[in-house]
Amino acid sequence: MLPRAARLTRGEGFRVAVRAGRRAGTRTMVVHWHDEGPAPVEVGFVVSKAVGNAVARNRVKRRLRHLTREHLQELPGRGVLVVRALPDAAAAGHEALRADLTRGLARVLP
């Protein structure tokens, strides 16, 4: 689980990160980063019904939360990170998600 302070729960934070932030797409996800956000960094996830049924969506969210928690220390001191899962994320293994998240973060972070 992500620490409570690191969870993005406000809809406005999602909108700002997706519309005004930098983004990088991979095969399984799109990573959005907006560096003019709150301190500490807040992280949110978007997993639509296109990914699969409720079981598949929750599995993808759990994996993404776990992987993002590993990268939390690498993120700058303030900002908003939104990870949007694509339909291929449901069939991807843990290592494929890890590689895509690492690649996406490397492209959007300053």
PDB file of N, CA and C in Angstrom:
ATOM      1  N   MET A   1       0.827  -1.185   0.000  1.00  0.00           N
ATOM      2  CA  MET A   1       0.000   0.000   0.000  1.00  0.00           C
ATOM      3  C   MET A   1       0.872   1.248   0.000  1.00  0.00           C
ATOM      4  N   LEU A   2       0.339   2.272  -0.596  1.00  0.00           N
ATOM      5  CA  LEU A   2       0.997   3.569  -0.561  1.00  0.00           C
ATOM      6  C   LEU A   2       0.682   4.249   0.768  1.00  0.00           C
ATOM      7  N   PRO A   3       1.616   5.038   1.283  1.00  0.00           N
ATOM      8  CA  PRO A   3       1.298   5.804   2.488  1.00  0.00           C
ATOM      9  C   PRO A   3       0.119   6.744   2.224  1.00  0.00           C
ATOM     10  N   ARG A   4      -0.646   7.024   3.233  1.00  0.00           N
ATOM     11  CA  ARG A   4      -1.830   7.857   3.075  1.00  0.00           C
ATOM     12  C   ARG A   4      -1.497   9.215   2.461  1.00  0.00           C
ATOM     13  N   ALA A   5      -0.400   9.806   2.862  1.00  0.00           N
ATOM     14  CA  ALA A   5      -0.012  11.127   2.345  1.00  0.00           C
ATOM     15  C   ALA A   5       0.338  11.086   0.861  1.00  0.00           C
ATOM     16  N   ALA A   6       0.658   9.911   0.337  1.00  0.00           N
ATOM     17  CA  ALA A   6       1.079   9.792  -1.066  1.00  0.00           C
ATOM     18  C   ALA A   6      -0.069   9.442  -2.001  1.00  0.00           C
ATOM     19  N   ARG A   7      -1.283   9.310  -1.490  1.00  0.00           N
ATOM     20  CA  ARG A   7      -2.421   8.918  -2.325  1.00  0.00           C
ATOM     21  C   ARG A   7      -3.116  10.145  -2.911  1.00  0.00           C
ATOM     22  N   LEU A   8      -3.354  10.094  -4.194  1.00  0.00           N
ATOM     23  CA  LEU A   8      -4.099  11.149  -4.869  1.00  0.00           C
ATOM     24  C   LEU A   8      -5.572  10.773  -4.836  1.00  0.00           C
ATOM     25  N   THR A   9      -6.374  11.602  -4.194  1.00  0.00           N
ATOM     26  CA  THR A   9      -7.792  11.280  -4.058  1.00  0.00           C
ATOM     27  C   THR A   9      -8.702  12.354  -4.643  1.00  0.00           C
ATOM     28  N   ARG A  10      -8.161  13.524  -4.932  1.00  0.00           N
ATOM     29  CA  ARG A  10      -8.976  14.617  -5.463  1.00  0.00           C
ATOM     30  C   ARG A  10      -9.047  14.549  -6.982  1.00  0.00           C
ATOM     31  N   GLY A  11     -10.220  14.713  -7.531  1.00  0.00           N
ATOM     32  CA  GLY A  11     -10.406  14.686  -8.980  1.00  0.00           C
ATOM     33  C   GLY A  11      -9.643  15.790  -9.682  1.00  0.00           C
ATOM     34  N   GLU A  12      -9.507  16.935  -9.025  1.00  0.00           N
ATOM     35  CA  GLU A  12      -8.778  18.057  -9.624  1.00  0.00           C
ATOM     36  C   GLU A  12      -7.311  17.689  -9.854  1.00  0.00           C
ATOM     37  N   GLY A  13      -6.720  16.952  -8.943  1.00  0.00           N
ATOM     38  CA  GLY A  13      -5.333  16.519  -9.112  1.00  0.00           C
ATOM     39  C   GLY A  13      -5.156  15.630 -10.326  1.00  0.00           C
ATOM     40  N   PHE A  14      -6.116  14.729 -10.545  1.00  0.00           N
ATOM     41  CA  PHE A  14      -6.075  13.867 -11.725  1.00  0.00           C
ATOM     42  C   PHE A  14      -6.174  14.703 -12.999  1.00  0.00           C
ATOM     43  N   ARG A  15      -7.134  15.632 -13.014  1.00  0.00           N
ATOM     44  CA  ARG A  15      -7.335  16.455 -14.211  1.00  0.00           C
ATOM     45  C   ARG A  15      -6.104  17.285 -14.548  1.00  0.00           C
ATOM     46  N   VAL A  16      -5.522  17.918 -13.550  1.00  0.00           N
ATOM     47  CA  VAL A  16      -4.350  18.765 -13.792  1.00  0.00           C
ATOM     48  C   VAL A  16      -3.188  17.939 -14.317  1.00  0.00           C
ATOM     49  N   ALA A  17      -2.934  16.788 -13.712  1.00  0.00           N
ATOM     50  CA  ALA A  17      -1.805  15.958 -14.140  1.00  0.00           C
ATOM     51  C   ALA A  17      -1.994  15.455 -15.568  1.00  0.00           C
ATOM     52  N   VAL A  18      -3.206  15.049 -15.907  1.00  0.00           N
ATOM     53  CA  VAL A  18      -3.448  14.489 -17.232  1.00  0.00           C
ATOM     54  C   VAL A  18      -3.449  15.581 -18.304  1.00  0.00           C
ATOM     55  N   ARG A  19      -4.017  16.732 -17.990  1.00  0.00           N
ATOM     56  CA  ARG A  19      -4.127  17.791 -18.994  1.00  0.00           C
ATOM     57  C   ARG A  19      -2.870  18.642 -19.122  1.00  0.00           C
ATOM     58  N   ALA A  20      -2.229  18.980 -18.017  1.00  0.00           N
ATOM     59  CA  ALA A  20      -1.127  19.940 -18.060  1.00  0.00           C
ATOM     60  C   ALA A  20       0.241  19.303 -17.847  1.00  0.00           C
ATOM     61  N   GLY A  21       0.290  18.046 -17.449  1.00  0.00           N
ATOM     62  CA  GLY A  21       1.568  17.421 -17.148  1.00  0.00           C
ATOM     63  C   GLY A  21       2.230  16.785 -18.361  1.00  0.00           C
ATOM     64  N   ARG A  22       3.467  16.341 -18.145  1.00  0.00           N
ATOM     65  CA  ARG A  22       4.178  15.584 -19.187  1.00  0.00           C
ATOM     66  C   ARG A  22       3.674  14.152 -19.146  1.00  0.00           C
ATOM     67  N   ARG A  23       3.739  13.482 -20.312  1.00  0.00           N
ATOM     68  CA  ARG A  23       3.286  12.090 -20.336  1.00  0.00           C
ATOM     69  C   ARG A  23       4.208  11.251 -21.187  1.00  0.00           C
ATOM     70  N   ALA A  24       4.227   9.975 -20.845  1.00  0.00           N
ATOM     71  CA  ALA A  24       5.001   8.998 -21.603  1.00  0.00           C
ATOM     72  C   ALA A  24       4.186   7.716 -21.672  1.00  0.00           C
ATOM     73  N   GLY A  25       4.048   7.192 -22.862  1.00  0.00           N
ATOM     74  CA  GLY A  25       3.275   5.975 -23.050  1.00  0.00           C
ATOM     75  C   GLY A  25       4.175   4.772 -23.274  1.00  0.00           C
ATOM     76  N   THR A  26       3.749   3.655 -22.742  1.00  0.00           N
ATOM     77  CA  THR A  26       4.412   2.377 -22.987  1.00  0.00           C
ATOM     78  C   THR A  26       3.338   1.407 -23.458  1.00  0.00           C
ATOM     79  N   ARG A  27       3.697   0.148 -23.607  1.00  0.00           N
ATOM     80  CA  ARG A  27       2.747  -0.842 -24.097  1.00  0.00           C
ATOM     81  C   ARG A  27       1.597  -1.074 -23.122  1.00  0.00           C
ATOM     82  N   THR A  28       1.867  -0.976 -21.823  1.00  0.00           N
ATOM     83  CA  THR A  28       0.852  -1.332 -20.836  1.00  0.00           C
ATOM     84  C   THR A  28       0.294  -0.156 -20.040  1.00  0.00           C
ATOM     85  N   MET A  29       0.910   1.027 -20.163  1.00  0.00           N
ATOM     86  CA  MET A  29       0.441   2.153 -19.351  1.00  0.00           C
ATOM     87  C   MET A  29       0.874   3.488 -19.931  1.00  0.00           C
ATOM     88  N   VAL A  30       0.221   4.540 -19.455  1.00  0.00           N
ATOM     89  CA  VAL A  30       0.616   5.909 -19.751  1.00  0.00           C
ATOM     90  C   VAL A  30       0.896   6.569 -18.412  1.00  0.00           C
ATOM     91  N   VAL A  31       2.072   7.183 -18.293  1.00  0.00           N
ATOM     92  CA  VAL A  31       2.484   7.830 -17.052  1.00  0.00           C
ATOM     93  C   VAL A  31       2.380   9.334 -17.251  1.00  0.00           C
ATOM     94  N   HIS A  32       1.643  10.015 -16.364  1.00  0.00           N
ATOM     95  CA  HIS A  32       1.478  11.470 -16.408  1.00  0.00           C
ATOM     96  C   HIS A  32       2.173  12.060 -15.187  1.00  0.00           C
ATOM     97  N   TRP A  33       2.990  13.103 -15.383  1.00  0.00           N
ATOM     98  CA  TRP A  33       3.681  13.762 -14.277  1.00  0.00           C
ATOM     99  C   TRP A  33       3.471  15.268 -14.379  1.00  0.00           C
ATOM    100  N   HIS A  34       2.992  15.848 -13.292  1.00  0.00           N
ATOM    101  CA  HIS A  34       2.834  17.306 -13.209  1.00  0.00           C
ATOM    102  C   HIS A  34       3.613  17.759 -11.979  1.00  0.00           C
ATOM    103  N   ASP A  35       4.658  18.564 -12.196  1.00  0.00           N
ATOM    104  CA  ASP A  35       5.554  18.892 -11.091  1.00  0.00           C
ATOM    105  C   ASP A  35       5.144  20.093 -10.267  1.00  0.00           C
ATOM    106  N   GLU A  36       4.012  20.682 -10.533  1.00  0.00           N
ATOM    107  CA  GLU A  36       3.549  21.812  -9.737  1.00  0.00           C
ATOM    108  C   GLU A  36       2.419  21.382  -8.820  1.00  0.00           C
ATOM    109  N   GLY A  37       2.629  20.305  -8.122  1.00  0.00           N
ATOM    110  CA  GLY A  37       1.599  19.785  -7.239  1.00  0.00           C
ATOM    111  C   GLY A  37       1.986  19.922  -5.791  1.00  0.00           C
ATOM    112  N   PRO A  38       1.288  19.197  -4.943  1.00  0.00           N
ATOM    113  CA  PRO A  38       1.522  19.301  -3.502  1.00  0.00           C
ATOM    114  C   PRO A  38       2.808  18.597  -3.092  1.00  0.00           C
ATOM    115  N   ALA A  39       3.279  18.925  -1.914  1.00  0.00           N
ATOM    116  CA  ALA A  39       4.393  18.206  -1.309  1.00  0.00           C
ATOM    117  C   ALA A  39       3.814  17.430  -0.135  1.00  0.00           C
ATOM    118  N   PRO A  40       4.088  16.194   0.063  1.00  0.00           N
ATOM    119  CA  PRO A  40       4.880  15.298  -0.772  1.00  0.00           C
ATOM    120  C   PRO A  40       4.121  14.869  -2.030  1.00  0.00           C
ATOM    121  N   VAL A  41       4.797  14.114  -2.858  1.00  0.00           N
ATOM    122  CA  VAL A  41       4.227  13.651  -4.130  1.00  0.00           C
ATOM    123  C   VAL A  41       2.967  12.832  -3.873  1.00  0.00           C
ATOM    124  N   GLU A  42       1.948  13.070  -4.699  1.00  0.00           N
ATOM    125  CA  GLU A  42       0.725  12.274  -4.640  1.00  0.00           C
ATOM    126  C   GLU A  42       0.648  11.405  -5.887  1.00  0.00           C
ATOM    127  N   VAL A  43       0.199  10.165  -5.722  1.00  0.00           N
ATOM    128  CA  VAL A  43       0.128   9.200  -6.817  1.00  0.00           C
ATOM    129  C   VAL A  43      -1.303   8.693  -6.952  1.00  0.00           C
ATOM    130  N   GLY A  44      -1.798   8.670  -8.199  1.00  0.00           N
ATOM    131  CA  GLY A  44      -3.132   8.152  -8.470  1.00  0.00           C
ATOM    132  C   GLY A  44      -3.102   7.171  -9.630  1.00  0.00           C
ATOM    133  N   PHE A  45      -4.107   6.325  -9.699  1.00  0.00           N
ATOM    134  CA  PHE A  45      -4.179   5.292 -10.723  1.00  0.00           C
ATOM    135  C   PHE A  45      -5.518   5.352 -11.434  1.00  0.00           C
ATOM    136  N   VAL A  46      -5.498   5.126 -12.746  1.00  0.00           N
ATOM    137  CA  VAL A  46      -6.705   5.064 -13.547  1.00  0.00           C
ATOM    138  C   VAL A  46      -6.691   3.715 -14.263  1.00  0.00           C
ATOM    139  N   VAL A  47      -7.671   2.885 -13.943  1.00  0.00           N
ATOM    140  CA  VAL A  47      -7.784   1.571 -14.574  1.00  0.00           C
ATOM    141  C   VAL A  47      -9.227   1.434 -15.039  1.00  0.00           C
ATOM    142  N   SER A  48      -9.449   1.597 -16.339  1.00  0.00           N
ATOM    143  CA  SER A  48     -10.808   1.611 -16.875  1.00  0.00           C
ATOM    144  C   SER A  48     -11.329   0.201 -17.118  1.00  0.00           C
ATOM    145  N   LYS A  49     -12.602   0.124 -17.471  1.00  0.00           N
ATOM    146  CA  LYS A  49     -13.224  -1.162 -17.770  1.00  0.00           C
ATOM    147  C   LYS A  49     -12.647  -1.814 -19.024  1.00  0.00           C
ATOM    148  N   ALA A  50     -11.945  -1.036 -19.843  1.00  0.00           N
ATOM    149  CA  ALA A  50     -11.300  -1.609 -21.028  1.00  0.00           C
ATOM    150  C   ALA A  50     -10.203  -2.596 -20.633  1.00  0.00           C
ATOM    151  N   VAL A  51      -9.684  -2.470 -19.415  1.00  0.00           N
ATOM    152  CA  VAL A  51      -8.632  -3.374 -18.944  1.00  0.00           C
ATOM    153  C   VAL A  51      -9.192  -4.757 -18.682  1.00  0.00           C
ATOM    154  N   GLY A  52     -10.424  -4.845 -18.240  1.00  0.00           N
ATOM    155  CA  GLY A  52     -11.023  -6.150 -17.979  1.00  0.00           C
ATOM    156  C   GLY A  52     -12.113  -6.048 -16.936  1.00  0.00           C
ATOM    157  N   ASN A  53     -12.495  -7.201 -16.411  1.00  0.00           N
ATOM    158  CA  ASN A  53     -13.535  -7.213 -15.384  1.00  0.00           C
ATOM    159  C   ASN A  53     -12.957  -6.699 -14.058  1.00  0.00           C
ATOM    160  N   ALA A  54     -13.771  -6.678 -13.018  1.00  0.00           N
ATOM    161  CA  ALA A  54     -13.359  -6.102 -11.745  1.00  0.00           C
ATOM    162  C   ALA A  54     -12.146  -6.821 -11.157  1.00  0.00           C
ATOM    163  N   VAL A  55     -12.089  -8.128 -11.309  1.00  0.00           N
ATOM    164  CA  VAL A  55     -10.965  -8.893 -10.776  1.00  0.00           C
ATOM    165  C   VAL A  55      -9.669  -8.479 -11.472  1.00  0.00           C
ATOM    166  N   ALA A  56      -9.696  -8.374 -12.779  1.00  0.00           N
ATOM    167  CA  ALA A  56      -8.503  -7.989 -13.542  1.00  0.00           C
ATOM    168  C   ALA A  56      -8.093  -6.553 -13.227  1.00  0.00           C
ATOM    169  N   ARG A  57      -9.064  -5.658 -13.118  1.00  0.00           N
ATOM    170  CA  ARG A  57      -8.746  -4.256 -12.814  1.00  0.00           C
ATOM    171  C   ARG A  57      -8.106  -4.124 -11.442  1.00  0.00           C
ATOM    172  N   ASN A  58      -8.660  -4.824 -10.453  1.00  0.00           N
ATOM    173  CA  ASN A  58      -8.093  -4.745  -9.105  1.00  0.00           C
ATOM    174  C   ASN A  58      -6.704  -5.359  -9.040  1.00  0.00           C
ATOM    175  N   ARG A  59      -6.469  -6.428  -9.781  1.00  0.00           N
ATOM    176  CA  ARG A  59      -5.140  -7.039  -9.821  1.00  0.00           C
ATOM    177  C   ARG A  59      -4.125  -6.062 -10.412  1.00  0.00           C
ATOM    178  N   VAL A  60      -4.501  -5.398 -11.494  1.00  0.00           N
ATOM    179  CA  VAL A  60      -3.612  -4.418 -12.120  1.00  0.00           C
ATOM    180  C   VAL A  60      -3.340  -3.268 -11.161  1.00  0.00           C
ATOM    181  N   LYS A  61      -4.367  -2.776 -10.476  1.00  0.00           N
ATOM    182  CA  LYS A  61      -4.177  -1.675  -9.513  1.00  0.00           C
ATOM    183  C   LYS A  61      -3.241  -2.081  -8.383  1.00  0.00           C
ATOM    184  N   ARG A  62      -3.413  -3.278  -7.852  1.00  0.00           N
ATOM    185  CA  ARG A  62      -2.533  -3.738  -6.770  1.00  0.00           C
ATOM    186  C   ARG A  62      -1.088  -3.812  -7.235  1.00  0.00           C
ATOM    187  N   ARG A  63      -0.865  -4.360  -8.431  1.00  0.00           N
ATOM    188  CA  ARG A  63       0.493  -4.456  -8.957  1.00  0.00           C
ATOM    189  C   ARG A  63       1.101  -3.077  -9.177  1.00  0.00           C
ATOM    190  N   LEU A  64       0.326  -2.167  -9.755  1.00  0.00           N
ATOM    191  CA  LEU A  64       0.832  -0.819 -10.014  1.00  0.00           C
ATOM    192  C   LEU A  64       1.127  -0.074  -8.711  1.00  0.00           C
ATOM    193  N   ARG A  65       0.271  -0.227  -7.705  1.00  0.00           N
ATOM    194  CA  ARG A  65       0.538   0.408  -6.403  1.00  0.00           C
ATOM    195  C   ARG A  65       1.838  -0.101  -5.808  1.00  0.00           C
ATOM    196  N   HIS A  66       2.030  -1.407  -5.864  1.00  0.00           N
ATOM    197  CA  HIS A  66       3.247  -2.004  -5.313  1.00  0.00           C
ATOM    198  C   HIS A  66       4.489  -1.497  -6.058  1.00  0.00           C
ATOM    199  N   LEU A  67       4.431  -1.495  -7.368  1.00  0.00           N
ATOM    200  CA  LEU A  67       5.581  -1.051  -8.161  1.00  0.00           C
ATOM    201  C   LEU A  67       5.858   0.437  -7.973  1.00  0.00           C
ATOM    202  N   THR A  68       4.819   1.233  -7.880  1.00  0.00           N
ATOM    203  CA  THR A  68       4.997   2.668  -7.703  1.00  0.00           C
ATOM    204  C   THR A  68       5.586   2.971  -6.339  1.00  0.00           C
ATOM    205  N   ARG A  69       5.209   2.217  -5.340  1.00  0.00           N
ATOM    206  CA  ARG A  69       5.764   2.421  -4.001  1.00  0.00           C
ATOM    207  C   ARG A  69       7.285   2.246  -4.008  1.00  0.00           C
ATOM    208  N   GLU A  70       7.785   1.327  -4.838  1.00  0.00           N
ATOM    209  CA  GLU A  70       9.230   1.121  -4.943  1.00  0.00           C
ATOM    210  C   GLU A  70       9.938   2.344  -5.530  1.00  0.00           C
ATOM    211  N   HIS A  71       9.236   3.120  -6.370  1.00  0.00           N
ATOM    212  CA  HIS A  71       9.824   4.287  -7.034  1.00  0.00           C
ATOM    213  C   HIS A  71       9.540   5.597  -6.304  1.00  0.00           C
ATOM    214  N   LEU A  72       8.825   5.571  -5.204  1.00  0.00           N
ATOM    215  CA  LEU A  72       8.417   6.783  -4.509  1.00  0.00           C
ATOM    216  C   LEU A  72       9.613   7.635  -4.083  1.00  0.00           C
ATOM    217  N   GLN A  73      10.678   7.012  -3.664  1.00  0.00           N
ATOM    218  CA  GLN A  73      11.863   7.761  -3.213  1.00  0.00           C
ATOM    219  C   GLN A  73      12.579   8.469  -4.358  1.00  0.00           C
ATOM    220  N   GLU A  74      12.426   7.974  -5.578  1.00  0.00           N
ATOM    221  CA  GLU A  74      13.083   8.571  -6.749  1.00  0.00           C
ATOM    222  C   GLU A  74      12.369   9.816  -7.253  1.00  0.00           C
ATOM    223  N   LEU A  75      11.109  10.002  -6.862  1.00  0.00           N
ATOM    224  CA  LEU A  75      10.330  11.123  -7.361  1.00  0.00           C
ATOM    225  C   LEU A  75      10.780  12.415  -6.688  1.00  0.00           C
ATOM    226  N   PRO A  76      10.713  13.536  -7.410  1.00  0.00           N
ATOM    227  CA  PRO A  76      11.056  14.820  -6.799  1.00  0.00           C
ATOM    228  C   PRO A  76      10.166  15.105  -5.592  1.00  0.00           C
ATOM    229  N   GLY A  77      10.493  16.109  -4.815  1.00  0.00           N
ATOM    230  CA  GLY A  77       9.808  16.397  -3.564  1.00  0.00           C
ATOM    231  C   GLY A  77       8.360  16.793  -3.679  1.00  0.00           C
ATOM    232  N   ARG A  78       7.929  17.301  -4.829  1.00  0.00           N
ATOM    233  CA  ARG A  78       6.538  17.726  -4.970  1.00  0.00           C
ATOM    234  C   ARG A  78       6.040  17.405  -6.365  1.00  0.00           C
ATOM    235  N   GLY A  79       4.738  17.164  -6.484  1.00  0.00           N
ATOM    236  CA  GLY A  79       4.149  16.898  -7.781  1.00  0.00           C
ATOM    237  C   GLY A  79       3.039  15.872  -7.697  1.00  0.00           C
ATOM    238  N   VAL A  80       2.470  15.583  -8.873  1.00  0.00           N
ATOM    239  CA  VAL A  80       1.380  14.614  -8.981  1.00  0.00           C
ATOM    240  C   VAL A  80       1.756  13.613 -10.074  1.00  0.00           C
ATOM    241  N   LEU A  81       1.658  12.338  -9.748  1.00  0.00           N
ATOM    242  CA  LEU A  81       1.912  11.263 -10.698  1.00  0.00           C
ATOM    243  C   LEU A  81       0.617  10.492 -10.891  1.00  0.00           C
ATOM    244  N   VAL A  82       0.203  10.338 -12.148  1.00  0.00           N
ATOM    245  CA  VAL A  82      -0.978   9.534 -12.472  1.00  0.00           C
ATOM    246  C   VAL A  82      -0.528   8.430 -13.418  1.00  0.00           C
ATOM    247  N   VAL A  83      -0.841   7.196 -13.060  1.00  0.00           N
ATOM    248  CA  VAL A  83      -0.514   6.040 -13.891  1.00  0.00           C
ATOM    249  C   VAL A  83      -1.828   5.506 -14.442  1.00  0.00           C
ATOM    250  N   ARG A  84      -1.965   5.551 -15.777  1.00  0.00           N
ATOM    251  CA  ARG A  84      -3.185   5.080 -16.442  1.00  0.00           C
ATOM    252  C   ARG A  84      -2.886   3.758 -17.126  1.00  0.00           C
ATOM    253  N   ALA A  85      -3.558   2.704 -16.706  1.00  0.00           N
ATOM    254  CA  ALA A  85      -3.338   1.368 -17.266  1.00  0.00           C
ATOM    255  C   ALA A  85      -4.048   1.238 -18.607  1.00  0.00           C
ATOM    256  N   LEU A  86      -3.385   0.578 -19.536  1.00  0.00           N
ATOM    257  CA  LEU A  86      -3.962   0.270 -20.842  1.00  0.00           C
ATOM    258  C   LEU A  86      -4.437  -1.185 -20.839  1.00  0.00           C
ATOM    259  N   PRO A  87      -5.271  -1.584 -21.797  1.00  0.00           N
ATOM    260  CA  PRO A  87      -5.802  -2.953 -21.799  1.00  0.00           C
ATOM    261  C   PRO A  87      -4.733  -4.058 -21.755  1.00  0.00           C
ATOM    262  N   ASP A  88      -3.563  -3.825 -22.331  1.00  0.00           N
ATOM    263  CA  ASP A  88      -2.507  -4.848 -22.301  1.00  0.00           C
ATOM    264  C   ASP A  88      -1.966  -5.095 -20.898  1.00  0.00           C
ATOM    265  N   ALA A  89      -2.245  -4.208 -19.953  1.00  0.00           N
ATOM    266  CA  ALA A  89      -1.734  -4.364 -18.587  1.00  0.00           C
ATOM    267  C   ALA A  89      -2.315  -5.594 -17.908  1.00  0.00           C
ATOM    268  N   ALA A  90      -3.535  -5.985 -18.266  1.00  0.00           N
ATOM    269  CA  ALA A  90      -4.172  -7.138 -17.627  1.00  0.00           C
ATOM    270  C   ALA A  90      -3.429  -8.430 -17.936  1.00  0.00           C
ATOM    271  N   ALA A  91      -2.877  -8.552 -19.122  1.00  0.00           N
ATOM    272  CA  ALA A  91      -2.182  -9.776 -19.515  1.00  0.00           C
ATOM    273  C   ALA A  91      -0.690  -9.718 -19.230  1.00  0.00           C
ATOM    274  N   ALA A  92      -0.177  -8.556 -18.885  1.00  0.00           N
ATOM    275  CA  ALA A  92       1.262  -8.403 -18.658  1.00  0.00           C
ATOM    276  C   ALA A  92       1.654  -8.964 -17.296  1.00  0.00           C
ATOM    277  N   GLY A  93       2.843  -9.512 -17.249  1.00  0.00           N
ATOM    278  CA  GLY A  93       3.378 -10.016 -15.993  1.00  0.00           C
ATOM    279  C   GLY A  93       3.946  -8.892 -15.137  1.00  0.00           C
ATOM    280  N   HIS A  94       4.330  -9.262 -13.938  1.00  0.00           N
ATOM    281  CA  HIS A  94       4.854  -8.285 -12.986  1.00  0.00           C
ATOM    282  C   HIS A  94       6.112  -7.601 -13.525  1.00  0.00           C
ATOM    283  N   GLU A  95       6.993  -8.367 -14.111  1.00  0.00           N
ATOM    284  CA  GLU A  95       8.254  -7.800 -14.629  1.00  0.00           C
ATOM    285  C   GLU A  95       8.010  -6.874 -15.817  1.00  0.00           C
ATOM    286  N   ALA A  96       7.044  -7.194 -16.660  1.00  0.00           N
ATOM    287  CA  ALA A  96       6.729  -6.322 -17.794  1.00  0.00           C
ATOM    288  C   ALA A  96       6.172  -4.994 -17.301  1.00  0.00           C
ATOM    289  N   LEU A  97       5.301  -5.039 -16.282  1.00  0.00           N
ATOM    290  CA  LEU A  97       4.775  -3.798 -15.703  1.00  0.00           C
ATOM    291  C   LEU A  97       5.891  -2.986 -15.057  1.00  0.00           C
ATOM    292  N   ARG A  98       6.795  -3.666 -14.358  1.00  0.00           N
ATOM    293  CA  ARG A  98       7.922  -2.969 -13.720  1.00  0.00           C
ATOM    294  C   ARG A  98       8.782  -2.264 -14.772  1.00  0.00           C
ATOM    295  N   ALA A  99       9.096  -2.957 -15.861  1.00  0.00           N
ATOM    296  CA  ALA A  99       9.930  -2.360 -16.911  1.00  0.00           C
ATOM    297  C   ALA A  99       9.223  -1.175 -17.562  1.00  0.00           C
ATOM    298  N   ASP A 100       7.929  -1.303 -17.820  1.00  0.00           N
ATOM    299  CA  ASP A 100       7.181  -0.204 -18.438  1.00  0.00           C
ATOM    300  C   ASP A 100       7.085   0.993 -17.509  1.00  0.00           C
ATOM    301  N   LEU A 101       6.862   0.755 -16.223  1.00  0.00           N
ATOM    302  CA  LEU A 101       6.781   1.867 -15.276  1.00  0.00           C
ATOM    303  C   LEU A 101       8.136   2.572 -15.155  1.00  0.00           C
ATOM    304  N   THR A 102       9.197   1.816 -15.080  1.00  0.00           N
ATOM    305  CA  THR A 102      10.536   2.405 -14.998  1.00  0.00           C
ATOM    306  C   THR A 102      10.839   3.224 -16.250  1.00  0.00           C
ATOM    307  N   ARG A 103      10.512   2.689 -17.408  1.00  0.00           N
ATOM    308  CA  ARG A 103      10.749   3.410 -18.675  1.00  0.00           C
ATOM    309  C   ARG A 103       9.903   4.688 -18.761  1.00  0.00           C
ATOM    310  N   GLY A 104       8.646   4.590 -18.354  1.00  0.00           N
ATOM    311  CA  GLY A 104       7.766   5.754 -18.380  1.00  0.00           C
ATOM    312  C   GLY A 104       8.225   6.847 -17.431  1.00  0.00           C
ATOM    313  N   LEU A 105       8.613   6.465 -16.221  1.00  0.00           N
ATOM    314  CA  LEU A 105       9.100   7.452 -15.246  1.00  0.00           C
ATOM    315  C   LEU A 105      10.388   8.118 -15.726  1.00  0.00           C
ATOM    316  N   ALA A 106      11.265   7.352 -16.334  1.00  0.00           N
ATOM    317  CA  ALA A 106      12.522   7.919 -16.825  1.00  0.00           C
ATOM    318  C   ALA A 106      12.266   8.971 -17.897  1.00  0.00           C
ATOM    319  N   ARG A 107      11.205   8.809 -18.655  1.00  0.00           N
ATOM    320  CA  ARG A 107      10.923   9.765 -19.729  1.00  0.00           C
ATOM    321  C   ARG A 107      10.191  11.010 -19.260  1.00  0.00           C
ATOM    322  N   VAL A 108       9.422  10.948 -18.190  1.00  0.00           N
ATOM    323  CA  VAL A 108       8.662  12.122 -17.759  1.00  0.00           C
ATOM    324  C   VAL A 108       9.312  12.930 -16.652  1.00  0.00           C
ATOM    325  N   LEU A 109      10.158  12.299 -15.847  1.00  0.00           N
ATOM    326  CA  LEU A 109      10.764  13.032 -14.740  1.00  0.00           C
ATOM    327  C   LEU A 109      11.914  13.902 -15.231  1.00  0.00           C
ATOM    328  N   PRO A 110      12.073  15.060 -14.584  1.00  0.00           N
ATOM    329  CA  PRO A 110      13.149  15.982 -15.015  1.00  0.00           C
ATOM    330  C   PRO A 110      14.524  15.440 -14.710  1.00  0.00           C
TER     331      PRO A 110
END
